[in-house]
Amino acid sequence: MPVITVEGPEMQDMDRRRAFARALTDAAVEAYGLPESAMVVIMHENPLECVASGGELICDRGPRE
């Protein structure tokens, strides 16, 4: 059973989250040739105040583009 783990910012929109999970599942089905029921997608959502890059918190960089 393939497990796809994604680390990223919070997704507030459930429709976008569903579409993302669907796209990842479809890509894994194509790559592995296994049924979609065998795929597991885990999304770890991290608030921008809990992620830093280059020593700077992402939330301190201003609005997202």
Protein backbone atom coordinates (compact mmCIF):
# COMPACT_ATOMS: atom_id res chain seq x y z
CA MET A 1 0.00 0.00 0.00
CA PRO A 2 1.75 3.20 -1.14
CA VAL A 3 1.62 6.08 1.31
CA ILE A 4 1.99 9.64 0.01
CA THR A 5 2.85 12.19 2.69
CA VAL A 6 2.69 15.91 1.94
CA GLU A 7 3.95 18.68 4.21
CA GLY A 8 2.56 22.09 3.38
CA PRO A 9 0.58 25.13 4.41
CA GLU A 10 -2.96 24.87 5.67
CA MET A 11 -5.66 24.49 3.02
CA GLN A 12 -8.84 26.18 4.17
CA ASP A 13 -10.91 25.22 1.14
CA MET A 14 -12.17 21.62 1.43
CA ASP A 15 -12.85 21.41 -2.32
CA ARG A 16 -9.20 22.25 -3.04
CA ARG A 17 -8.09 19.66 -0.47
CA ARG A 18 -10.33 17.03 -2.08
CA ALA A 19 -9.03 17.90 -5.56
CA PHE A 20 -5.43 17.69 -4.34
CA ALA A 21 -6.03 14.28 -2.74
CA ARG A 22 -7.72 13.09 -5.95
CA ALA A 23 -4.82 14.30 -8.13
CA LEU A 24 -2.23 12.61 -5.90
CA THR A 25 -4.23 9.38 -5.85
CA ASP A 26 -4.70 9.39 -9.62
CA ALA A 27 -0.96 9.94 -10.17
CA ALA A 28 -0.10 7.08 -7.80
CA VAL A 29 -2.58 4.73 -9.50
CA GLU A 30 -0.94 5.54 -12.84
CA ALA A 31 2.59 5.09 -11.47
CA TYR A 32 2.02 1.90 -9.48
CA GLY A 33 -0.74 0.26 -11.49
CA LEU A 34 -2.63 -0.52 -8.28
CA PRO A 35 -6.27 0.25 -7.46
CA GLU A 36 -7.02 3.61 -5.89
CA SER A 37 -8.23 1.85 -2.75
CA ALA A 38 -4.61 0.82 -2.14
CA MET A 39 -3.40 4.44 -2.01
CA VAL A 40 -3.11 6.43 1.21
CA VAL A 41 -2.61 10.20 1.21
CA ILE A 42 -1.62 11.95 4.43
CA MET A 43 -1.58 15.74 4.47
CA HIS A 44 0.35 17.36 7.29
CA GLU A 45 -0.74 20.97 7.36
CA ASN A 46 1.59 23.40 9.03
CA PRO A 47 0.61 26.92 10.06
CA LEU A 48 2.97 29.49 8.56
CA GLU A 49 4.05 30.54 12.06
CA CYS A 50 5.48 27.03 12.53
CA VAL A 51 7.63 26.97 9.38
CA ALA A 52 10.85 28.85 8.72
CA SER A 53 13.08 29.17 5.69
CA GLY A 54 16.47 30.85 5.75
CA GLY A 55 16.06 31.47 9.48
CA GLU A 56 12.90 33.51 8.97
CA LEU A 57 9.36 32.46 9.87
CA ILE A 58 7.22 32.25 6.75
CA CYS A 59 4.48 34.28 8.45
CA ASP A 60 6.91 37.19 8.84
CA ARG A 61 7.48 37.44 5.10
CA GLY A 62 4.19 39.18 4.43
CA PRO A 63 1.20 38.12 2.34
CA ARG A 64 1.45 35.08 0.11
CA GLU A 65 1.62 35.73 -3.59
